[in-house]
Amino acid sequence: MSGRYSGMRDKHGIDIAEGDILQRDEDDLEFVKTIAIFWSDEEAGWKYRFRANPGEYIEGLANAEYCSLFEIIGNIDENPELLEVES
């Protein structure tokens, strides 16, 4: 289910909802530029997911400080291709 408010905001102060795709275009990044936000019942918290390789996802716990470095560019329901990586 997409759309639940996460309690976090992007770098423009826009509310981040479950399923939103965020992007960071700073030059000083290691390799994480595009992430999706989702709720984890197992962790009882918000997580982010990014595609490291075709068919491989890496996840981590999301927090307000980290997510505020990104901007919303779409959502997984309408823009799943935004999480694609080149093979």
Protein backbone atom coordinates (compact mmCIF):
# COMPACT_ATOMS: atom_id res chain seq x y z
CA MET A 1 0.00 0.00 0.00
CA SER A 2 1.43 3.35 -1.01
CA GLY A 3 0.61 6.75 0.34
CA ARG A 4 0.91 6.51 4.15
CA TYR A 5 2.72 9.55 5.53
CA SER A 6 6.13 8.58 6.92
CA GLY A 7 6.62 11.52 9.28
CA MET A 8 9.66 12.57 7.23
CA ARG A 9 10.18 15.39 4.73
CA ASP A 10 12.41 15.76 1.70
CA LYS A 11 14.97 18.55 1.20
CA HIS A 12 12.20 20.90 0.04
CA GLY A 13 10.06 20.23 3.12
CA ILE A 14 7.57 18.06 1.20
CA ASP A 15 5.99 15.19 3.16
CA ILE A 16 7.40 11.79 2.22
CA ALA A 17 4.84 9.02 1.85
CA GLU A 18 5.22 5.26 1.60
CA GLY A 19 6.16 4.32 -1.95
CA ASP A 20 7.79 7.65 -2.77
CA ILE A 21 10.99 7.54 -4.78
CA LEU A 22 13.63 10.03 -3.73
CA GLN A 23 16.78 11.12 -5.50
CA ARG A 24 19.95 12.85 -4.42
CA ASP A 25 22.21 14.38 -7.05
CA GLU A 26 25.12 15.59 -4.94
CA ASP A 27 28.54 14.87 -6.43
CA ASP A 28 29.92 13.58 -3.13
CA LEU A 29 27.78 10.43 -3.02
CA GLU A 30 29.26 6.97 -2.88
CA PHE A 31 26.63 5.27 -5.06
CA VAL A 32 23.17 5.65 -3.51
CA LYS A 33 21.30 8.22 -5.55
CA THR A 34 17.73 6.89 -5.85
CA ILE A 35 15.77 5.23 -3.04
CA ALA A 36 12.19 4.12 -2.35
CA ILE A 37 10.56 4.48 1.08
CA PHE A 38 8.49 1.67 2.60
CA TRP A 39 7.15 0.45 5.94
CA SER A 40 8.65 -2.71 7.45
CA ASP A 41 6.44 -4.64 9.85
CA GLU A 42 9.45 -6.77 10.80
CA GLU A 43 11.51 -3.71 11.79
CA ALA A 44 8.43 -1.75 12.94
CA GLY A 45 9.80 1.26 11.13
CA TRP A 46 10.42 3.05 7.86
CA LYS A 47 13.09 1.71 5.54
CA TYR A 48 14.60 2.71 2.24
CA ARG A 49 15.43 0.41 -0.66
CA PHE A 50 17.63 0.92 -3.66
CA ARG A 51 18.56 -1.29 -6.57
CA ALA A 52 22.29 -2.05 -6.50
CA ASN A 53 22.26 -4.36 -9.53
CA PRO A 54 19.54 -5.68 -11.83
CA GLY A 55 17.36 -7.85 -9.58
CA GLU A 56 19.29 -6.98 -6.37
CA TYR A 57 17.96 -4.59 -3.73
CA ILE A 58 19.71 -3.26 -0.66
CA GLU A 59 17.69 -1.94 2.30
CA GLY A 60 18.39 0.22 5.32
CA LEU A 61 16.53 2.01 8.10
CA ALA A 62 15.25 5.41 6.99
CA ASN A 63 15.40 8.43 9.25
CA ALA A 64 14.40 12.07 8.90
CA GLU A 65 17.98 13.37 8.71
CA TYR A 66 18.98 11.00 5.90
CA CYS A 67 15.77 11.48 3.88
CA SER A 68 16.03 15.27 4.12
CA LEU A 69 19.07 15.07 1.81
CA PHE A 70 16.87 13.73 -1.02
CA GLU A 71 14.00 15.12 -3.11
CA ILE A 72 10.85 13.28 -4.18
CA ILE A 73 10.88 12.47 -7.90
CA GLY A 74 7.94 10.05 -8.16
CA ASN A 75 6.46 6.94 -6.59
CA ILE A 76 6.76 3.21 -7.13
CA ASP A 77 3.20 2.82 -8.40
CA GLU A 78 3.51 5.36 -11.22
CA ASN A 79 7.29 5.40 -11.84
CA PRO A 80 8.88 1.98 -11.06
CA GLU A 81 11.45 2.56 -13.80
CA LEU A 82 13.07 5.26 -11.65
CA LEU A 83 14.65 2.53 -9.54
CA GLU A 84 16.19 0.73 -12.52
CA VAL A 85 19.95 0.39 -12.89
CA GLU A 86 21.95 -0.24 -16.00
CA SER A 87 23.10 -3.82 -16.50
